[in-house]
Amino acid sequence: MDETSIWAVIVTIVTVLGSTSAWKFYEKRAEAKKDEDNFIKQDCRERITKLEVLLKESSVEKDKMRETILGLTEKVSALTVKVEFLQKENVELISRLKND
């Protein structure tokens, strides 16, 4: 074998090994990107689930608060009527005391 053939064989072996390494590198890189995308998707799913739970809880809490506010409004109205009645009665009593 002459020297040129030996160099040709060596270059061919290096090229084959280099292309195999490059192929493995690109496969690992693609797999890592796929894993990262899956992680992001899973993270988003978990966050959406948590937000949906929070939304339902806040809706229930809002309904309870609305009922409480309606009850308090009713009581304030009743107290307002009583205060007006007592003020009128107080004015009447004061005027009776003045007349006596």
N, C-alpha and C. Protein backbone atom coordinates (compact mmCIF):
# COMPACT_ATOMS: atom_id res chain seq x y z
N MET A 1 0.84 -1.18 0.00
CA MET A 1 0.00 0.00 0.00
C MET A 1 0.88 1.23 0.00
N ASP A 2 0.46 2.15 -0.78
CA ASP A 2 1.24 3.37 -0.80
C ASP A 2 0.72 4.35 0.25
N GLU A 3 1.44 5.41 0.44
CA GLU A 3 1.14 6.37 1.49
C GLU A 3 -0.19 7.09 1.24
N THR A 4 -0.56 7.34 0.03
CA THR A 4 -1.80 8.02 -0.32
C THR A 4 -3.01 7.17 0.07
N SER A 5 -2.92 5.89 -0.15
CA SER A 5 -4.02 4.98 0.20
C SER A 5 -4.22 4.94 1.71
N ILE A 6 -3.12 4.92 2.44
CA ILE A 6 -3.22 4.89 3.90
C ILE A 6 -3.90 6.17 4.40
N TRP A 7 -3.51 7.31 3.85
CA TRP A 7 -4.15 8.57 4.24
C TRP A 7 -5.63 8.59 3.85
N ALA A 8 -5.95 8.04 2.73
CA ALA A 8 -7.34 7.98 2.28
C ALA A 8 -8.17 7.14 3.24
N VAL A 9 -7.60 6.00 3.70
CA VAL A 9 -8.30 5.13 4.64
C VAL A 9 -8.47 5.86 5.98
N ILE A 10 -7.42 6.51 6.45
CA ILE A 10 -7.48 7.24 7.72
C ILE A 10 -8.52 8.36 7.65
N VAL A 11 -8.51 9.13 6.57
CA VAL A 11 -9.48 10.21 6.40
C VAL A 11 -10.90 9.65 6.35
N THR A 12 -11.07 8.54 5.68
CA THR A 12 -12.40 7.91 5.59
C THR A 12 -12.87 7.46 6.97
N ILE A 13 -11.99 6.84 7.74
CA ILE A 13 -12.35 6.38 9.09
C ILE A 13 -12.71 7.57 9.97
N VAL A 14 -11.91 8.64 9.92
CA VAL A 14 -12.19 9.84 10.72
C VAL A 14 -13.52 10.45 10.29
N THR A 15 -13.79 10.49 9.02
CA THR A 15 -15.03 11.05 8.51
C THR A 15 -16.23 10.24 8.99
N VAL A 16 -16.13 8.92 8.90
CA VAL A 16 -17.23 8.05 9.34
C VAL A 16 -17.47 8.21 10.84
N LEU A 17 -16.39 8.19 11.62
CA LEU A 17 -16.54 8.35 13.06
C LEU A 17 -17.08 9.74 13.41
N GLY A 18 -16.61 10.74 12.70
CA GLY A 18 -17.08 12.10 12.93
C GLY A 18 -18.55 12.26 12.59
N SER A 19 -18.98 11.66 11.49
CA SER A 19 -20.39 11.78 11.12
C SER A 19 -21.28 11.01 12.09
N THR A 20 -20.80 9.90 12.62
CA THR A 20 -21.56 9.14 13.61
C THR A 20 -21.69 9.96 14.88
N SER A 21 -20.62 10.59 15.30
CA SER A 21 -20.66 11.44 16.50
C SER A 21 -21.59 12.63 16.28
N ALA A 22 -21.51 13.20 15.10
CA ALA A 22 -22.39 14.34 14.80
C ALA A 22 -23.84 13.90 14.82
N TRP A 23 -24.12 12.74 14.25
CA TRP A 23 -25.50 12.22 14.25
C TRP A 23 -26.00 12.01 15.68
N LYS A 24 -25.18 11.41 16.53
CA LYS A 24 -25.57 11.21 17.93
C LYS A 24 -25.80 12.55 18.63
N PHE A 25 -24.93 13.52 18.35
CA PHE A 25 -25.08 14.85 18.95
C PHE A 25 -26.42 15.47 18.56
N TYR A 26 -26.74 15.42 17.27
CA TYR A 26 -28.00 16.01 16.81
C TYR A 26 -29.21 15.25 17.35
N GLU A 27 -29.10 13.93 17.50
CA GLU A 27 -30.19 13.15 18.09
C GLU A 27 -30.42 13.56 19.54
N LYS A 28 -29.32 13.67 20.29
CA LYS A 28 -29.44 14.08 21.70
C LYS A 28 -30.01 15.49 21.82
N ARG A 29 -29.59 16.36 20.93
CA ARG A 29 -30.08 17.73 20.95
C ARG A 29 -31.58 17.79 20.66
N ALA A 30 -32.01 17.01 19.67
CA ALA A 30 -33.43 16.97 19.33
C ALA A 30 -34.25 16.37 20.48
N GLU A 31 -33.71 15.34 21.11
CA GLU A 31 -34.40 14.71 22.24
C GLU A 31 -34.50 15.68 23.43
N ALA A 32 -33.43 16.42 23.68
CA ALA A 32 -33.45 17.40 24.77
C ALA A 32 -34.48 18.48 24.49
N LYS A 33 -34.58 18.94 23.26
CA LYS A 33 -35.57 19.96 22.90
C LYS A 33 -36.99 19.41 23.07
N LYS A 34 -37.17 18.15 22.69
CA LYS A 34 -38.48 17.52 22.83
C LYS A 34 -38.85 17.40 24.32
N ASP A 35 -37.88 16.99 25.14
CA ASP A 35 -38.12 16.89 26.58
C ASP A 35 -38.46 18.25 27.17
N GLU A 36 -37.77 19.29 26.73
CA GLU A 36 -38.04 20.65 27.22
C GLU A 36 -39.44 21.09 26.82
N ASP A 37 -39.83 20.81 25.59
CA ASP A 37 -41.18 21.17 25.13
C ASP A 37 -42.24 20.43 25.95
N ASN A 38 -41.99 19.13 26.22
CA ASN A 38 -42.94 18.36 27.02
C ASN A 38 -43.02 18.90 28.44
N PHE A 39 -41.88 19.31 29.00
CA PHE A 39 -41.88 19.90 30.34
C PHE A 39 -42.71 21.16 30.37
N ILE A 40 -42.53 22.01 29.37
CA ILE A 40 -43.29 23.27 29.30
C ILE A 40 -44.78 22.98 29.17
N LYS A 41 -45.14 22.01 28.33
CA LYS A 41 -46.55 21.66 28.17
C LYS A 41 -47.14 21.14 29.48
N GLN A 42 -46.39 20.26 30.16
CA GLN A 42 -46.88 19.71 31.43
C GLN A 42 -47.02 20.81 32.48
N ASP A 43 -46.05 21.71 32.52
CA ASP A 43 -46.10 22.82 33.47
C ASP A 43 -47.32 23.69 33.20
N CYS A 44 -47.59 23.96 31.94
CA CYS A 44 -48.76 24.77 31.58
C CYS A 44 -50.06 24.05 31.97
N ARG A 45 -50.11 22.75 31.77
CA ARG A 45 -51.31 21.99 32.15
C ARG A 45 -51.54 22.08 33.66
N GLU A 46 -50.47 21.93 34.43
CA GLU A 46 -50.60 22.01 35.89
C GLU A 46 -51.06 23.40 36.32
N ARG A 47 -50.51 24.42 35.72
CA ARG A 47 -50.91 25.79 36.07
C ARG A 47 -52.36 26.05 35.70
N ILE A 48 -52.78 25.57 34.55
CA ILE A 48 -54.17 25.75 34.12
C ILE A 48 -55.11 25.05 35.09
N THR A 49 -54.75 23.84 35.52
CA THR A 49 -55.57 23.10 36.48
C THR A 49 -55.70 23.87 37.78
N LYS A 50 -54.58 24.40 38.28
CA LYS A 50 -54.61 25.17 39.52
C LYS A 50 -55.47 26.42 39.36
N LEU A 51 -55.35 27.10 38.22
CA LEU A 51 -56.13 28.31 37.98
C LEU A 51 -57.62 28.00 37.89
N GLU A 52 -57.97 26.86 37.29
CA GLU A 52 -59.38 26.47 37.20
C GLU A 52 -59.95 26.23 38.60
N VAL A 53 -59.16 25.57 39.46
CA VAL A 53 -59.61 25.32 40.84
C VAL A 53 -59.80 26.64 41.56
N LEU A 54 -58.84 27.55 41.42
CA LEU A 54 -58.96 28.86 42.07
C LEU A 54 -60.18 29.63 41.56
N LEU A 55 -60.44 29.52 40.27
CA LEU A 55 -61.59 30.21 39.69
C LEU A 55 -62.90 29.67 40.26
N LYS A 56 -63.00 28.35 40.39
CA LYS A 56 -64.21 27.76 40.97
C LYS A 56 -64.38 28.19 42.42
N GLU A 57 -63.27 28.17 43.18
CA GLU A 57 -63.34 28.57 44.59
C GLU A 57 -63.76 30.03 44.72
N SER A 58 -63.21 30.88 43.89
CA SER A 58 -63.57 32.30 43.98
C SER A 58 -65.02 32.53 43.56
N SER A 59 -65.51 31.72 42.65
CA SER A 59 -66.91 31.84 42.24
C SER A 59 -67.83 31.48 43.40
N VAL A 60 -67.51 30.39 44.10
CA VAL A 60 -68.31 29.98 45.26
C VAL A 60 -68.23 31.05 46.34
N GLU A 61 -67.04 31.55 46.59
CA GLU A 61 -66.86 32.59 47.60
C GLU A 61 -67.64 33.86 47.23
N LYS A 62 -67.63 34.20 45.95
CA LYS A 62 -68.36 35.39 45.50
C LYS A 62 -69.86 35.21 45.74
N ASP A 63 -70.38 34.02 45.46
CA ASP A 63 -71.81 33.77 45.69
C ASP A 63 -72.15 33.89 47.18
N LYS A 64 -71.28 33.35 48.05
CA LYS A 64 -71.52 33.45 49.48
C LYS A 64 -71.49 34.92 49.92
N MET A 65 -70.55 35.68 49.40
CA MET A 65 -70.47 37.10 49.76
C MET A 65 -71.70 37.85 49.27
N ARG A 66 -72.17 37.51 48.11
CA ARG A 66 -73.38 38.16 47.58
C ARG A 66 -74.57 37.90 48.49
N GLU A 67 -74.71 36.64 48.94
CA GLU A 67 -75.81 36.32 49.85
C GLU A 67 -75.66 37.08 51.17
N THR A 68 -74.44 37.17 51.67
CA THR A 68 -74.20 37.91 52.92
C THR A 68 -74.54 39.38 52.75
N ILE A 69 -74.13 39.96 51.64
CA ILE A 69 -74.42 41.37 51.38
C ILE A 69 -75.92 41.61 51.28
N LEU A 70 -76.62 40.70 50.60
CA LEU A 70 -78.08 40.85 50.50
C LEU A 70 -78.73 40.78 51.89
N GLY A 71 -78.26 39.85 52.73
CA GLY A 71 -78.81 39.74 54.08
C GLY A 71 -78.53 40.99 54.89
N LEU A 72 -77.31 41.50 54.78
CA LEU A 72 -76.95 42.73 55.51
C LEU A 72 -77.74 43.93 55.01
N THR A 73 -77.96 44.00 53.71
CA THR A 73 -78.75 45.09 53.13
C THR A 73 -80.17 45.05 53.66
N GLU A 74 -80.71 43.85 53.76
CA GLU A 74 -82.07 43.69 54.29
C GLU A 74 -82.14 44.17 55.74
N LYS A 75 -81.14 43.78 56.54
CA LYS A 75 -81.12 44.19 57.94
C LYS A 75 -80.95 45.70 58.09
N VAL A 76 -80.11 46.30 57.25
CA VAL A 76 -79.92 47.76 57.29
C VAL A 76 -81.23 48.46 56.93
N SER A 77 -81.94 47.95 55.96
CA SER A 77 -83.23 48.56 55.59
C SER A 77 -84.22 48.48 56.75
N ALA A 78 -84.26 47.31 57.41
CA ALA A 78 -85.18 47.15 58.53
C ALA A 78 -84.80 48.10 59.66
N LEU A 79 -83.50 48.22 59.93
CA LEU A 79 -83.05 49.14 60.98
C LEU A 79 -83.34 50.59 60.62
N THR A 80 -83.22 50.93 59.37
CA THR A 80 -83.53 52.30 58.92
C THR A 80 -84.99 52.62 59.18
N VAL A 81 -85.87 51.67 58.89
CA VAL A 81 -87.30 51.88 59.13
C VAL A 81 -87.56 52.05 60.62
N LYS A 82 -86.91 51.23 61.46
CA LYS A 82 -87.10 51.33 62.90
C LYS A 82 -86.61 52.68 63.43
N VAL A 83 -85.44 53.11 62.93
CA VAL A 83 -84.90 54.40 63.37
C VAL A 83 -85.85 55.52 62.98
N GLU A 84 -86.38 55.50 61.77
CA GLU A 84 -87.32 56.54 61.34
C GLU A 84 -88.57 56.52 62.22
N PHE A 85 -89.07 55.31 62.50
CA PHE A 85 -90.25 55.20 63.37
C PHE A 85 -89.95 55.75 64.76
N LEU A 86 -88.79 55.37 65.33
CA LEU A 86 -88.43 55.84 66.66
C LEU A 86 -88.21 57.36 66.70
N GLN A 87 -87.66 57.90 65.62
CA GLN A 87 -87.47 59.36 65.57
C GLN A 87 -88.81 60.07 65.55
N LYS A 88 -89.75 59.56 64.77
CA LYS A 88 -91.10 60.16 64.73
C LYS A 88 -91.76 60.05 66.10
N GLU A 89 -91.64 58.88 66.71
CA GLU A 89 -92.24 58.68 68.03
C GLU A 89 -91.59 59.59 69.07
N ASN A 90 -90.29 59.77 68.96
CA ASN A 90 -89.56 60.65 69.86
C ASN A 90 -90.03 62.09 69.70
N VAL A 91 -90.21 62.54 68.47
CA VAL A 91 -90.72 63.90 68.23
C VAL A 91 -92.10 64.06 68.81
N GLU A 92 -92.97 63.06 68.65
CA GLU A 92 -94.32 63.10 69.21
C GLU A 92 -94.29 63.19 70.72
N LEU A 93 -93.42 62.39 71.34
CA LEU A 93 -93.32 62.39 72.80
C LEU A 93 -92.81 63.72 73.33
N ILE A 94 -91.85 64.30 72.64
CA ILE A 94 -91.30 65.59 73.04
C ILE A 94 -92.38 66.66 72.91
N SER A 95 -93.16 66.61 71.85
CA SER A 95 -94.22 67.60 71.69
C SER A 95 -95.31 67.40 72.73
N ARG A 96 -95.62 66.19 73.14
CA ARG A 96 -96.60 65.94 74.20
C ARG A 96 -96.11 66.49 75.54
N LEU A 97 -94.80 66.27 75.78
CA LEU A 97 -94.23 66.77 77.04
C LEU A 97 -94.28 68.28 77.10
N LYS A 98 -94.06 68.93 76.00
CA LYS A 98 -94.10 70.38 75.95
C LYS A 98 -95.53 70.88 76.16
N ASN A 99 -96.52 70.17 75.63
CA ASN A 99 -97.92 70.56 75.77
C ASN A 99 -98.45 70.34 77.19
N ASP A 100 -97.90 69.44 77.93
CA ASP A 100 -98.37 69.17 79.28
C ASP A 100 -97.81 70.12 80.23
